[in-house]
Amino acid sequence: MQPVTAAKVKYGIWGLIVGAIIATIVGFVWGGWTTMGTAKTMSKEAVLASRSAICVAQFMKQPNHEEKLKEFMDTGRWNQADFIEKGGWDKMPGQEEAGSTVAQACADGLKLLAEK
């Protein structure tokens, strides 16, 4: 290989490497790329948010929701998630059990609703 051709190949390879690094940085910083772990976390948070919204809606749909909301607010902070679980509002339609995170998120949503 001639020295001129070797130099061109060398600079061409370095150009590809630097270009790939710059493309990766731009993609993650401004392009909206995410890792698989971040995507899984975001989807779990989205599912929890939607389930807690359904829980709050189920709580507010009952006929005596004002009384139940007062009873909920009178319950101690540490027992509010248990109150939601006992009422069954944290269960999605067709679901046997719900996770405790749904009940806690629902309790947080009801506290925000009660403050209004």
PDB file of N, CA and C in Angstrom:
ATOM      1  N   MET A   1       0.848  -1.166   0.000  1.00  0.00           N
ATOM      2  CA  MET A   1       0.000   0.000   0.000  1.00  0.00           C
ATOM      3  C   MET A   1       0.895   1.230   0.000  1.00  0.00           C
ATOM      4  N   GLN A   2       0.545   2.212  -0.779  1.00  0.00           N
ATOM      5  CA  GLN A   2       1.350   3.421  -0.875  1.00  0.00           C
ATOM      6  C   GLN A   2       1.127   4.291   0.359  1.00  0.00           C
ATOM      7  N   PRO A   3       2.107   5.107   0.738  1.00  0.00           N
ATOM      8  CA  PRO A   3       1.973   5.948   1.924  1.00  0.00           C
ATOM      9  C   PRO A   3       0.783   6.902   1.861  1.00  0.00           C
ATOM     10  N   VAL A   4       0.470   7.418   0.673  1.00  0.00           N
ATOM     11  CA  VAL A   4      -0.668   8.337   0.542  1.00  0.00           C
ATOM     12  C   VAL A   4      -1.973   7.592   0.785  1.00  0.00           C
ATOM     13  N   THR A   5      -2.102   6.390   0.243  1.00  0.00           N
ATOM     14  CA  THR A   5      -3.300   5.587   0.423  1.00  0.00           C
ATOM     15  C   THR A   5      -3.442   5.157   1.879  1.00  0.00           C
ATOM     16  N   ALA A   6      -2.352   4.804   2.529  1.00  0.00           N
ATOM     17  CA  ALA A   6      -2.390   4.411   3.938  1.00  0.00           C
ATOM     18  C   ALA A   6      -2.856   5.564   4.815  1.00  0.00           C
ATOM     19  N   ALA A   7      -2.413   6.764   4.517  1.00  0.00           N
ATOM     20  CA  ALA A   7      -2.829   7.942   5.285  1.00  0.00           C
ATOM     21  C   ALA A   7      -4.314   8.213   5.082  1.00  0.00           C
ATOM     22  N   LYS A   8      -4.791   8.063   3.853  1.00  0.00           N
ATOM     23  CA  LYS A   8      -6.216   8.277   3.581  1.00  0.00           C
ATOM     24  C   LYS A   8      -7.073   7.262   4.336  1.00  0.00           C
ATOM     25  N   VAL A   9      -6.632   6.008   4.344  1.00  0.00           N
ATOM     26  CA  VAL A   9      -7.368   4.966   5.064  1.00  0.00           C
ATOM     27  C   VAL A   9      -7.370   5.261   6.562  1.00  0.00           C
ATOM     28  N   LYS A  10      -6.205   5.670   7.076  1.00  0.00           N
ATOM     29  CA  LYS A  10      -6.085   5.989   8.506  1.00  0.00           C
ATOM     30  C   LYS A  10      -7.036   7.127   8.887  1.00  0.00           C
ATOM     31  N   TYR A  11      -7.030   8.208   8.116  1.00  0.00           N
ATOM     32  CA  TYR A  11      -7.907   9.333   8.416  1.00  0.00           C
ATOM     33  C   TYR A  11      -9.380   8.977   8.192  1.00  0.00           C
ATOM     34  N   GLY A  12      -9.639   8.132   7.231  1.00  0.00           N
ATOM     35  CA  GLY A  12     -11.009   7.686   6.989  1.00  0.00           C
ATOM     36  C   GLY A  12     -11.560   6.885   8.164  1.00  0.00           C
ATOM     37  N   ILE A  13     -10.743   5.989   8.711  1.00  0.00           N
ATOM     38  CA  ILE A  13     -11.166   5.189   9.872  1.00  0.00           C
ATOM     39  C   ILE A  13     -11.372   6.078  11.090  1.00  0.00           C
ATOM     40  N   TRP A  14     -10.442   7.026  11.316  1.00  0.00           N
ATOM     41  CA  TRP A  14     -10.611   7.944  12.450  1.00  0.00           C
ATOM     42  C   TRP A  14     -11.860   8.819  12.256  1.00  0.00           C
ATOM     43  N   GLY A  15     -12.148   9.196  11.043  1.00  0.00           N
ATOM     44  CA  GLY A  15     -13.355   9.966  10.769  1.00  0.00           C
ATOM     45  C   GLY A  15     -14.618   9.194  11.082  1.00  0.00           C
ATOM     46  N   LEU A  16     -14.625   7.893  10.740  1.00  0.00           N
ATOM     47  CA  LEU A  16     -15.773   7.049  11.080  1.00  0.00           C
ATOM     48  C   LEU A  16     -15.940   6.909  12.587  1.00  0.00           C
ATOM     49  N   ILE A  17     -14.838   6.710  13.299  1.00  0.00           N
ATOM     50  CA  ILE A  17     -14.906   6.546  14.759  1.00  0.00           C
ATOM     51  C   ILE A  17     -15.411   7.825  15.422  1.00  0.00           C
ATOM     52  N   VAL A  18     -14.829   8.953  15.057  1.00  0.00           N
ATOM     53  CA  VAL A  18     -15.252  10.229  15.646  1.00  0.00           C
ATOM     54  C   VAL A  18     -16.698  10.543  15.259  1.00  0.00           C
ATOM     55  N   GLY A  19     -17.077  10.276  14.020  1.00  0.00           N
ATOM     56  CA  GLY A  19     -18.457  10.510  13.584  1.00  0.00           C
ATOM     57  C   GLY A  19     -19.458   9.658  14.343  1.00  0.00           C
ATOM     58  N   ALA A  20     -19.091   8.408  14.612  1.00  0.00           N
ATOM     59  CA  ALA A  20     -19.981   7.523  15.379  1.00  0.00           C
ATOM     60  C   ALA A  20     -20.138   8.019  16.803  1.00  0.00           C
ATOM     61  N   ILE A  21     -19.038   8.489  17.400  1.00  0.00           N
ATOM     62  CA  ILE A  21     -19.109   9.011  18.776  1.00  0.00           C
ATOM     63  C   ILE A  21     -19.991  10.254  18.819  1.00  0.00           C
ATOM     64  N   ILE A  22     -19.807  11.153  17.868  1.00  0.00           N
ATOM     65  CA  ILE A  22     -20.612  12.378  17.837  1.00  0.00           C
ATOM     66  C   ILE A  22     -22.092  12.049  17.597  1.00  0.00           C
ATOM     67  N   ALA A  23     -22.370  11.123  16.698  1.00  0.00           N
ATOM     68  CA  ALA A  23     -23.760  10.730  16.433  1.00  0.00           C
ATOM     69  C   ALA A  23     -24.406  10.122  17.674  1.00  0.00           C
ATOM     70  N   THR A  24     -23.652   9.327  18.417  1.00  0.00           N
ATOM     71  CA  THR A  24     -24.177   8.725  19.647  1.00  0.00           C
ATOM     72  C   THR A  24     -24.476   9.793  20.693  1.00  0.00           C
ATOM     73  N   ILE A  25     -23.556  10.719  20.878  1.00  0.00           N
ATOM     74  CA  ILE A  25     -23.773  11.788  21.864  1.00  0.00           C
ATOM     75  C   ILE A  25     -24.982  12.629  21.481  1.00  0.00           C
ATOM     76  N   VAL A  26     -25.061  13.043  20.243  1.00  0.00           N
ATOM     77  CA  VAL A  26     -26.190  13.857  19.786  1.00  0.00           C
ATOM     78  C   VAL A  26     -27.500  13.075  19.924  1.00  0.00           C
ATOM     79  N   GLY A  27     -27.483  11.804  19.614  1.00  0.00           N
ATOM     80  CA  GLY A  27     -28.689  10.986  19.716  1.00  0.00           C
ATOM     81  C   GLY A  27     -29.213  10.874  21.131  1.00  0.00           C
ATOM     82  N   PHE A  28     -28.322  10.652  22.098  1.00  0.00           N
ATOM     83  CA  PHE A  28     -28.778  10.505  23.481  1.00  0.00           C
ATOM     84  C   PHE A  28     -29.109  11.840  24.128  1.00  0.00           C
ATOM     85  N   VAL A  29     -28.390  12.904  23.782  1.00  0.00           N
ATOM     86  CA  VAL A  29     -28.628  14.196  24.420  1.00  0.00           C
ATOM     87  C   VAL A  29     -29.827  14.912  23.803  1.00  0.00           C
ATOM     88  N   TRP A  30     -29.860  15.025  22.471  1.00  0.00           N
ATOM     89  CA  TRP A  30     -30.922  15.801  21.830  1.00  0.00           C
ATOM     90  C   TRP A  30     -31.893  14.955  21.029  1.00  0.00           C
ATOM     91  N   GLY A  31     -31.525  13.763  20.673  1.00  0.00           N
ATOM     92  CA  GLY A  31     -32.356  12.951  19.796  1.00  0.00           C
ATOM     93  C   GLY A  31     -33.445  12.152  20.489  1.00  0.00           C
ATOM     94  N   GLY A  32     -33.412  12.082  21.814  1.00  0.00           N
ATOM     95  CA  GLY A  32     -34.440  11.353  22.540  1.00  0.00           C
ATOM     96  C   GLY A  32     -34.193   9.863  22.655  1.00  0.00           C
ATOM     97  N   TRP A  33     -32.987   9.420  22.355  1.00  0.00           N
ATOM     98  CA  TRP A  33     -32.677   8.008  22.510  1.00  0.00           C
ATOM     99  C   TRP A  33     -32.649   7.664  23.986  1.00  0.00           C
ATOM    100  N   THR A  34     -33.047   6.450  24.332  1.00  0.00           N
ATOM    101  CA  THR A  34     -32.968   5.975  25.714  1.00  0.00           C
ATOM    102  C   THR A  34     -32.424   4.560  25.727  1.00  0.00           C
ATOM    103  N   THR A  35     -31.961   4.172  26.895  1.00  0.00           N
ATOM    104  CA  THR A  35     -31.507   2.797  27.053  1.00  0.00           C
ATOM    105  C   THR A  35     -32.720   1.922  27.360  1.00  0.00           C
ATOM    106  N   MET A  36     -32.534   0.625  27.292  1.00  0.00           N
ATOM    107  CA  MET A  36     -33.638  -0.287  27.566  1.00  0.00           C
ATOM    108  C   MET A  36     -34.111  -0.159  29.018  1.00  0.00           C
ATOM    109  N   GLY A  37     -33.186   0.020  29.932  1.00  0.00           N
ATOM    110  CA  GLY A  37     -33.552   0.170  31.342  1.00  0.00           C
ATOM    111  C   GLY A  37     -34.402   1.404  31.579  1.00  0.00           C
ATOM    112  N   THR A  38     -34.029   2.507  30.953  1.00  0.00           N
ATOM    113  CA  THR A  38     -34.802   3.738  31.088  1.00  0.00           C
ATOM    114  C   THR A  38     -36.188   3.576  30.474  1.00  0.00           C
ATOM    115  N   ALA A  39     -36.265   2.917  29.350  1.00  0.00           N
ATOM    116  CA  ALA A  39     -37.562   2.700  28.698  1.00  0.00           C
ATOM    117  C   ALA A  39     -38.472   1.834  29.563  1.00  0.00           C
ATOM    118  N   LYS A  40     -37.916   0.798  30.195  1.00  0.00           N
ATOM    119  CA  LYS A  40     -38.724  -0.054  31.076  1.00  0.00           C
ATOM    120  C   LYS A  40     -39.224   0.739  32.277  1.00  0.00           C
ATOM    121  N   THR A  41     -38.358   1.561  32.862  1.00  0.00           N
ATOM    122  CA  THR A  41     -38.764   2.380  34.003  1.00  0.00           C
ATOM    123  C   THR A  41     -39.870   3.351  33.609  1.00  0.00           C
ATOM    124  N   MET A  42     -39.724   3.971  32.460  1.00  0.00           N
ATOM    125  CA  MET A  42     -40.743   4.912  31.999  1.00  0.00           C
ATOM    126  C   MET A  42     -42.074   4.218  31.754  1.00  0.00           C
ATOM    127  N   SER A  43     -42.051   3.020  31.207  1.00  0.00           N
ATOM    128  CA  SER A  43     -43.309   2.312  30.949  1.00  0.00           C
ATOM    129  C   SER A  43     -43.962   1.863  32.251  1.00  0.00           C
ATOM    130  N   LYS A  44     -43.164   1.434  33.228  1.00  0.00           N
ATOM    131  CA  LYS A  44     -43.735   1.059  34.529  1.00  0.00           C
ATOM    132  C   LYS A  44     -44.376   2.257  35.207  1.00  0.00           C
ATOM    133  N   GLU A  45     -43.734   3.415  35.122  1.00  0.00           N
ATOM    134  CA  GLU A  45     -44.309   4.623  35.711  1.00  0.00           C
ATOM    135  C   GLU A  45     -45.607   5.025  35.010  1.00  0.00           C
ATOM    136  N   ALA A  46     -45.663   4.856  33.711  1.00  0.00           N
ATOM    137  CA  ALA A  46     -46.870   5.199  32.958  1.00  0.00           C
ATOM    138  C   ALA A  46     -48.026   4.272  33.323  1.00  0.00           C
ATOM    139  N   VAL A  47     -47.739   2.984  33.477  1.00  0.00           N
ATOM    140  CA  VAL A  47     -48.775   2.022  33.864  1.00  0.00           C
ATOM    141  C   VAL A  47     -49.271   2.331  35.270  1.00  0.00           C
ATOM    142  N   LEU A  48     -48.357   2.648  36.183  1.00  0.00           N
ATOM    143  CA  LEU A  48     -48.757   2.986  37.548  1.00  0.00           C
ATOM    144  C   LEU A  48     -49.622   4.239  37.570  1.00  0.00           C
ATOM    145  N   ALA A  49     -49.270   5.232  36.777  1.00  0.00           N
ATOM    146  CA  ALA A  49     -50.058   6.463  36.731  1.00  0.00           C
ATOM    147  C   ALA A  49     -51.465   6.201  36.204  1.00  0.00           C
ATOM    148  N   SER A  50     -51.573   5.376  35.179  1.00  0.00           N
ATOM    149  CA  SER A  50     -52.905   5.101  34.632  1.00  0.00           C
ATOM    150  C   SER A  50     -53.739   4.268  35.606  1.00  0.00           C
ATOM    151  N   ARG A  51     -53.110   3.303  36.266  1.00  0.00           N
ATOM    152  CA  ARG A  51     -53.854   2.494  37.243  1.00  0.00           C
ATOM    153  C   ARG A  51     -54.295   3.323  38.440  1.00  0.00           C
ATOM    154  N   SER A  52     -53.446   4.246  38.896  1.00  0.00           N
ATOM    155  CA  SER A  52     -53.855   5.075  40.027  1.00  0.00           C
ATOM    156  C   SER A  52     -54.986   6.017  39.629  1.00  0.00           C
ATOM    157  N   ALA A  53     -54.990   6.496  38.380  1.00  0.00           N
ATOM    158  CA  ALA A  53     -56.093   7.340  37.915  1.00  0.00           C
ATOM    159  C   ALA A  53     -57.400   6.553  37.866  1.00  0.00           C
ATOM    160  N   ILE A  54     -57.324   5.301  37.433  1.00  0.00           N
ATOM    161  CA  ILE A  54     -58.515   4.437  37.422  1.00  0.00           C
ATOM    162  C   ILE A  54     -58.991   4.192  38.846  1.00  0.00           C
ATOM    163  N   CYS A  55     -58.062   3.993  39.765  1.00  0.00           N
ATOM    164  CA  CYS A  55     -58.410   3.779  41.176  1.00  0.00           C
ATOM    165  C   CYS A  55     -59.151   4.991  41.745  1.00  0.00           C
ATOM    166  N   VAL A  56     -58.629   6.179  41.487  1.00  0.00           N
ATOM    167  CA  VAL A  56     -59.288   7.400  41.972  1.00  0.00           C
ATOM    168  C   VAL A  56     -60.681   7.522  41.356  1.00  0.00           C
ATOM    169  N   ALA A  57     -60.809   7.205  40.079  1.00  0.00           N
ATOM    170  CA  ALA A  57     -62.117   7.279  39.415  1.00  0.00           C
ATOM    171  C   ALA A  57     -63.095   6.281  40.019  1.00  0.00           C
ATOM    172  N   GLN A  58     -62.617   5.065  40.328  1.00  0.00           N
ATOM    173  CA  GLN A  58     -63.488   4.068  40.948  1.00  0.00           C
ATOM    174  C   GLN A  58     -63.917   4.521  42.339  1.00  0.00           C
ATOM    175  N   PHE A  59     -63.006   5.166  43.070  1.00  0.00           N
ATOM    176  CA  PHE A  59     -63.333   5.679  44.398  1.00  0.00           C
ATOM    177  C   PHE A  59     -64.396   6.766  44.302  1.00  0.00           C
ATOM    178  N   MET A  60     -64.229   7.682  43.353  1.00  0.00           N
ATOM    179  CA  MET A  60     -65.152   8.806  43.233  1.00  0.00           C
ATOM    180  C   MET A  60     -66.482   8.416  42.589  1.00  0.00           C
ATOM    181  N   LYS A  61     -66.548   7.243  41.975  1.00  0.00           N
ATOM    182  CA  LYS A  61     -67.775   6.809  41.299  1.00  0.00           C
ATOM    183  C   LYS A  61     -68.822   6.297  42.293  1.00  0.00           C
ATOM    184  N   GLN A  62     -68.402   5.903  43.470  1.00  0.00           N
ATOM    185  CA  GLN A  62     -69.370   5.359  44.431  1.00  0.00           C
ATOM    186  C   GLN A  62     -70.299   6.464  44.929  1.00  0.00           C
ATOM    187  N   PRO A  63     -71.518   6.109  45.309  1.00  0.00           N
ATOM    188  CA  PRO A  63     -72.519   7.120  45.655  1.00  0.00           C
ATOM    189  C   PRO A  63     -72.168   7.960  46.890  1.00  0.00           C
ATOM    190  N   ASN A  64     -71.497   7.391  47.861  1.00  0.00           N
ATOM    191  CA  ASN A  64     -71.177   8.110  49.101  1.00  0.00           C
ATOM    192  C   ASN A  64     -69.695   8.491  49.143  1.00  0.00           C
ATOM    193  N   HIS A  65     -69.163   8.976  48.027  1.00  0.00           N
ATOM    194  CA  HIS A  65     -67.727   9.232  47.959  1.00  0.00           C
ATOM    195  C   HIS A  65     -67.280  10.384  48.856  1.00  0.00           C
ATOM    196  N   GLU A  66     -68.151  11.361  49.151  1.00  0.00           N
ATOM    197  CA  GLU A  66     -67.753  12.455  50.049  1.00  0.00           C
ATOM    198  C   GLU A  66     -67.489  11.926  51.461  1.00  0.00           C
ATOM    199  N   GLU A  67     -68.382  11.046  51.938  1.00  0.00           N
ATOM    200  CA  GLU A  67     -68.203  10.466  53.264  1.00  0.00           C
ATOM    201  C   GLU A  67     -66.954   9.588  53.320  1.00  0.00           C
ATOM    202  N   LYS A  68     -66.772   8.797  52.281  1.00  0.00           N
ATOM    203  CA  LYS A  68     -65.597   7.917  52.228  1.00  0.00           C
ATOM    204  C   LYS A  68     -64.297   8.728  52.137  1.00  0.00           C
ATOM    205  N   LEU A  69     -64.352   9.854  51.431  1.00  0.00           N
ATOM    206  CA  LEU A  69     -63.169  10.695  51.325  1.00  0.00           C
ATOM    207  C   LEU A  69     -62.808  11.303  52.674  1.00  0.00           C
ATOM    208  N   LYS A  70     -63.830  11.720  53.436  1.00  0.00           N
ATOM    209  CA  LYS A  70     -63.571  12.227  54.792  1.00  0.00           C
ATOM    210  C   LYS A  70     -63.008  11.123  55.675  1.00  0.00           C
ATOM    211  N   GLU A  71     -63.581   9.935  55.571  1.00  0.00           N
ATOM    212  CA  GLU A  71     -63.089   8.791  56.340  1.00  0.00           C
ATOM    213  C   GLU A  71     -61.648   8.461  55.943  1.00  0.00           C
ATOM    214  N   PHE A  72     -61.365   8.550  54.646  1.00  0.00           N
ATOM    215  CA  PHE A  72     -60.006   8.309  54.159  1.00  0.00           C
ATOM    216  C   PHE A  72     -59.032   9.326  54.728  1.00  0.00           C
ATOM    217  N   MET A  73     -59.418  10.591  54.728  1.00  0.00           N
ATOM    218  CA  MET A  73     -58.528  11.633  55.226  1.00  0.00           C
ATOM    219  C   MET A  73     -58.330  11.538  56.735  1.00  0.00           C
ATOM    220  N   ASP A  74     -59.332  11.012  57.458  1.00  0.00           N
ATOM    221  CA  ASP A  74     -59.190  10.837  58.904  1.00  0.00           C
ATOM    222  C   ASP A  74     -58.306   9.647  59.253  1.00  0.00           C
ATOM    223  N   THR A  75     -58.112   8.755  58.294  1.00  0.00           N
ATOM    224  CA  THR A  75     -57.237   7.611  58.503  1.00  0.00           C
ATOM    225  C   THR A  75     -55.803   8.107  58.549  1.00  0.00           C
ATOM    226  N   GLY A  76     -55.002   7.491  59.376  1.00  0.00           N
ATOM    227  CA  GLY A  76     -53.593   7.880  59.472  1.00  0.00           C
ATOM    228  C   GLY A  76     -52.868   7.704  58.153  1.00  0.00           C
ATOM    229  N   ARG A  77     -51.828   8.494  57.959  1.00  0.00           N
ATOM    230  CA  ARG A  77     -51.083   8.489  56.693  1.00  0.00           C
ATOM    231  C   ARG A  77     -50.573   7.097  56.341  1.00  0.00           C
ATOM    232  N   TRP A  78     -50.125   6.343  57.333  1.00  0.00           N
ATOM    233  CA  TRP A  78     -49.552   5.029  57.066  1.00  0.00           C
ATOM    234  C   TRP A  78     -50.611   3.982  56.765  1.00  0.00           C
ATOM    235  N   ASN A  79     -51.867   4.254  57.095  1.00  0.00           N
ATOM    236  CA  ASN A  79     -52.941   3.290  56.877  1.00  0.00           C
ATOM    237  C   ASN A  79     -53.821   3.624  55.673  1.00  0.00           C
ATOM    238  N   GLN A  80     -53.518   4.697  54.969  1.00  0.00           N
ATOM    239  CA  GLN A  80     -54.372   5.109  53.859  1.00  0.00           C
ATOM    240  C   GLN A  80     -54.316   4.116  52.695  1.00  0.00           C
ATOM    241  N   ALA A  81     -53.148   3.573  52.427  1.00  0.00           N
ATOM    242  CA  ALA A  81     -53.050   2.577  51.354  1.00  0.00           C
ATOM    243  C   ALA A  81     -53.835   1.323  51.724  1.00  0.00           C
ATOM    244  N   ASP A  82     -53.802   0.935  53.004  1.00  0.00           N
ATOM    245  CA  ASP A  82     -54.593  -0.211  53.460  1.00  0.00           C
ATOM    246  C   ASP A  82     -56.088   0.060  53.310  1.00  0.00           C
ATOM    247  N   PHE A  83     -56.498   1.304  53.574  1.00  0.00           N
ATOM    248  CA  PHE A  83     -57.893   1.698  53.415  1.00  0.00           C
ATOM    249  C   PHE A  83     -58.330   1.508  51.958  1.00  0.00           C
ATOM    250  N   ILE A  84     -57.475   1.891  51.034  1.00  0.00           N
ATOM    251  CA  ILE A  84     -57.771   1.736  49.603  1.00  0.00           C
ATOM    252  C   ILE A  84     -57.849   0.253  49.245  1.00  0.00           C
ATOM    253  N   GLU A  85     -56.906  -0.539  49.753  1.00  0.00           N
ATOM    254  CA  GLU A  85     -56.893  -1.977  49.455  1.00  0.00           C
ATOM    255  C   GLU A  85     -58.132  -2.670  50.005  1.00  0.00           C
ATOM    256  N   LYS A  86     -58.533  -2.310  51.221  1.00  0.00           N
ATOM    257  CA  LYS A  86     -59.726  -2.930  51.821  1.00  0.00           C
ATOM    258  C   LYS A  86     -60.985  -2.568  51.052  1.00  0.00           C
ATOM    259  N   GLY A  87     -61.029  -1.351  50.511  1.00  0.00           N
ATOM    260  CA  GLY A  87     -62.185  -0.933  49.720  1.00  0.00           C
ATOM    261  C   GLY A  87     -62.211  -1.580  48.340  1.00  0.00           C
ATOM    262  N   GLY A  88     -61.067  -2.085  47.884  1.00  0.00           N
ATOM    263  CA  GLY A  88     -61.002  -2.752  46.591  1.00  0.00           C
ATOM    264  C   GLY A  88     -60.901  -1.810  45.401  1.00  0.00           C
ATOM    265  N   TRP A  89     -60.677  -0.526  45.632  1.00  0.00           N
ATOM    266  CA  TRP A  89     -60.627   0.432  44.531  1.00  0.00           C
ATOM    267  C   TRP A  89     -59.338   0.313  43.725  1.00  0.00           C
ATOM    268  N   ASP A  90     -58.317  -0.282  44.314  1.00  0.00           N
ATOM    269  CA  ASP A  90     -57.032  -0.398  43.617  1.00  0.00           C
ATOM    270  C   ASP A  90     -57.011  -1.528  42.594  1.00  0.00           C
ATOM    271  N   LYS A  91     -58.011  -2.386  42.628  1.00  0.00           N
ATOM    272  CA  LYS A  91     -58.067  -3.517  41.683  1.00  0.00           C
ATOM    273  C   LYS A  91     -58.643  -3.054  40.349  1.00  0.00           C
ATOM    274  N   MET A  92     -57.983  -3.455  39.307  1.00  0.00           N
ATOM    275  CA  MET A  92     -58.470  -3.144  37.973  1.00  0.00           C
ATOM    276  C   MET A  92     -59.570  -4.147  37.616  1.00  0.00           C
ATOM    277  N   PRO A  93     -60.471  -3.805  36.731  1.00  0.00           N
ATOM    278  CA  PRO A  93     -61.538  -4.733  36.354  1.00  0.00           C
ATOM    279  C   PRO A  93     -60.971  -6.073  35.887  1.00  0.00           C
ATOM    280  N   GLY A  94     -61.481  -7.141  36.481  1.00  0.00           N
ATOM    281  CA  GLY A  94     -61.034  -8.487  36.143  1.00  0.00           C
ATOM    282  C   GLY A  94     -59.771  -8.922  36.865  1.00  0.00           C
ATOM    283  N   GLN A  95     -59.293  -8.135  37.792  1.00  0.00           N
ATOM    284  CA  GLN A  95     -58.048  -8.442  38.484  1.00  0.00           C
ATOM    285  C   GLN A  95     -58.351  -8.928  39.897  1.00  0.00           C
ATOM    286  N   GLU A  96     -57.647  -9.976  40.316  1.00  0.00           N
ATOM    287  CA  GLU A  96     -57.844 -10.524  41.662  1.00  0.00           C
ATOM    288  C   GLU A  96     -57.179  -9.655  42.726  1.00  0.00           C
ATOM    289  N   GLU A  97     -55.919  -9.295  42.487  1.00  0.00           N
ATOM    290  CA  GLU A  97     -55.168  -8.492  43.447  1.00  0.00           C
ATOM    291  C   GLU A  97     -54.425  -7.381  42.720  1.00  0.00           C
ATOM    292  N   ALA A  98     -54.162  -6.319  43.455  1.00  0.00           N
ATOM    293  CA  ALA A  98     -53.348  -5.224  42.915  1.00  0.00           C
ATOM    294  C   ALA A  98     -52.122  -5.072  43.799  1.00  0.00           C
ATOM    295  N   GLY A  99     -51.099  -4.493  43.265  1.00  0.00           N
ATOM    296  CA  GLY A  99     -49.892  -4.279  44.040  1.00  0.00           C
ATOM    297  C   GLY A  99     -50.067  -3.134  45.023  1.00  0.00           C
ATOM    298  N   SER A 100     -49.241  -3.120  46.034  1.00  0.00           N
ATOM    299  CA  SER A 100     -49.335  -2.066  47.041  1.00  0.00           C
ATOM    300  C   SER A 100     -48.936  -0.711  46.462  1.00  0.00           C
ATOM    301  N   THR A 101     -48.161  -0.705  45.395  1.00  0.00           N
ATOM    302  CA  THR A 101     -47.776   0.570  44.800  1.00  0.00           C
ATOM    303  C   THR A 101     -48.975   1.278  44.171  1.00  0.00           C
ATOM    304  N   VAL A 102     -49.916   0.509  43.659  1.00  0.00           N
ATOM    305  CA  VAL A 102     -51.130   1.109  43.080  1.00  0.00           C
ATOM    306  C   VAL A 102     -51.945   1.761  44.179  1.00  0.00           C
ATOM    307  N   ALA A 103     -52.083   1.079  45.305  1.00  0.00           N
ATOM    308  CA  ALA A 103     -52.855   1.632  46.421  1.00  0.00           C
ATOM    309  C   ALA A 103     -52.202   2.896  46.956  1.00  0.00           C
ATOM    310  N   GLN A 104     -50.884   2.911  47.048  1.00  0.00           N
ATOM    311  CA  GLN A 104     -50.182   4.096  47.547  1.00  0.00           C
ATOM    312  C   GLN A 104     -50.319   5.259  46.574  1.00  0.00           C
ATOM    313  N   ALA A 105     -50.187   4.990  45.281  1.00  0.00           N
ATOM    314  CA  ALA A 105     -50.348   6.045  44.278  1.00  0.00           C
ATOM    315  C   ALA A 105     -51.786   6.561  44.266  1.00  0.00           C
ATOM    316  N   CYS A 106     -52.743   5.684  44.465  1.00  0.00           N
ATOM    317  CA  CYS A 106     -54.143   6.078  44.533  1.00  0.00           C
ATOM    318  C   CYS A 106     -54.379   6.959  45.762  1.00  0.00           C
ATOM    319  N   ALA A 107     -53.785   6.580  46.875  1.00  0.00           N
ATOM    320  CA  ALA A 107     -53.915   7.383  48.094  1.00  0.00           C
ATOM    321  C   ALA A 107     -53.331   8.782  47.880  1.00  0.00           C
ATOM    322  N   ASP A 108     -52.201   8.860  47.205  1.00  0.00           N
ATOM    323  CA  ASP A 108     -51.620  10.161  46.915  1.00  0.00           C
ATOM    324  C   ASP A 108     -52.539  10.987  46.023  1.00  0.00           C
ATOM    325  N   GLY A 109     -53.149  10.347  45.047  1.00  0.00           N
ATOM    326  CA  GLY A 109     -54.082  11.056  44.178  1.00  0.00           C
ATOM    327  C   GLY A 109     -55.320  11.538  44.907  1.00  0.00           C
ATOM    328  N   LEU A 110     -55.821  10.718  45.830  1.00  0.00           N
ATOM    329  CA  LEU A 110     -57.000  11.141  46.615  1.00  0.00           C
ATOM    330  C   LEU A 110     -56.655  12.280  47.567  1.00  0.00           C
ATOM    331  N   LYS A 111     -55.436  12.281  48.097  1.00  0.00           N
ATOM    332  CA  LYS A 111     -55.029  13.393  48.962  1.00  0.00           C
ATOM    333  C   LYS A 111     -54.979  14.692  48.165  1.00  0.00           C
ATOM    334  N   LEU A 112     -54.478  14.627  46.945  1.00  0.00           N
ATOM    335  CA  LEU A 112     -54.467  15.829  46.089  1.00  0.00           C
ATOM    336  C   LEU A 112     -55.879  16.287  45.768  1.00  0.00           C
ATOM    337  N   LEU A 113     -56.759  15.325  45.540  1.00  0.00           N
ATOM    338  CA  LEU A 113     -58.145  15.647  45.234  1.00  0.00           C
ATOM    339  C   LEU A 113     -58.840  16.279  46.440  1.00  0.00           C
ATOM    340  N   ALA A 114     -58.540  15.795  47.629  1.00  0.00           N
ATOM    341  CA  ALA A 114     -59.181  16.309  48.832  1.00  0.00           C
ATOM    342  C   ALA A 114     -58.695  17.727  49.167  1.00  0.00           C
ATOM    343  N   GLU A 115     -57.473  18.053  48.760  1.00  0.00           N
ATOM    344  CA  GLU A 115     -56.938  19.389  49.050  1.00  0.00           C
ATOM    345  C   GLU A 115     -57.606  20.470  48.220  1.00  0.00           C
ATOM    346  N   LYS A 116     -58.200  20.092  47.089  1.00  0.00           N
ATOM    347  CA  LYS A 116     -58.823  21.087  46.201  1.00  0.00           C
ATOM    348  C   LYS A 116     -60.107  21.607  46.734  1.00  0.00           C
TER     349      LYS A 116
END
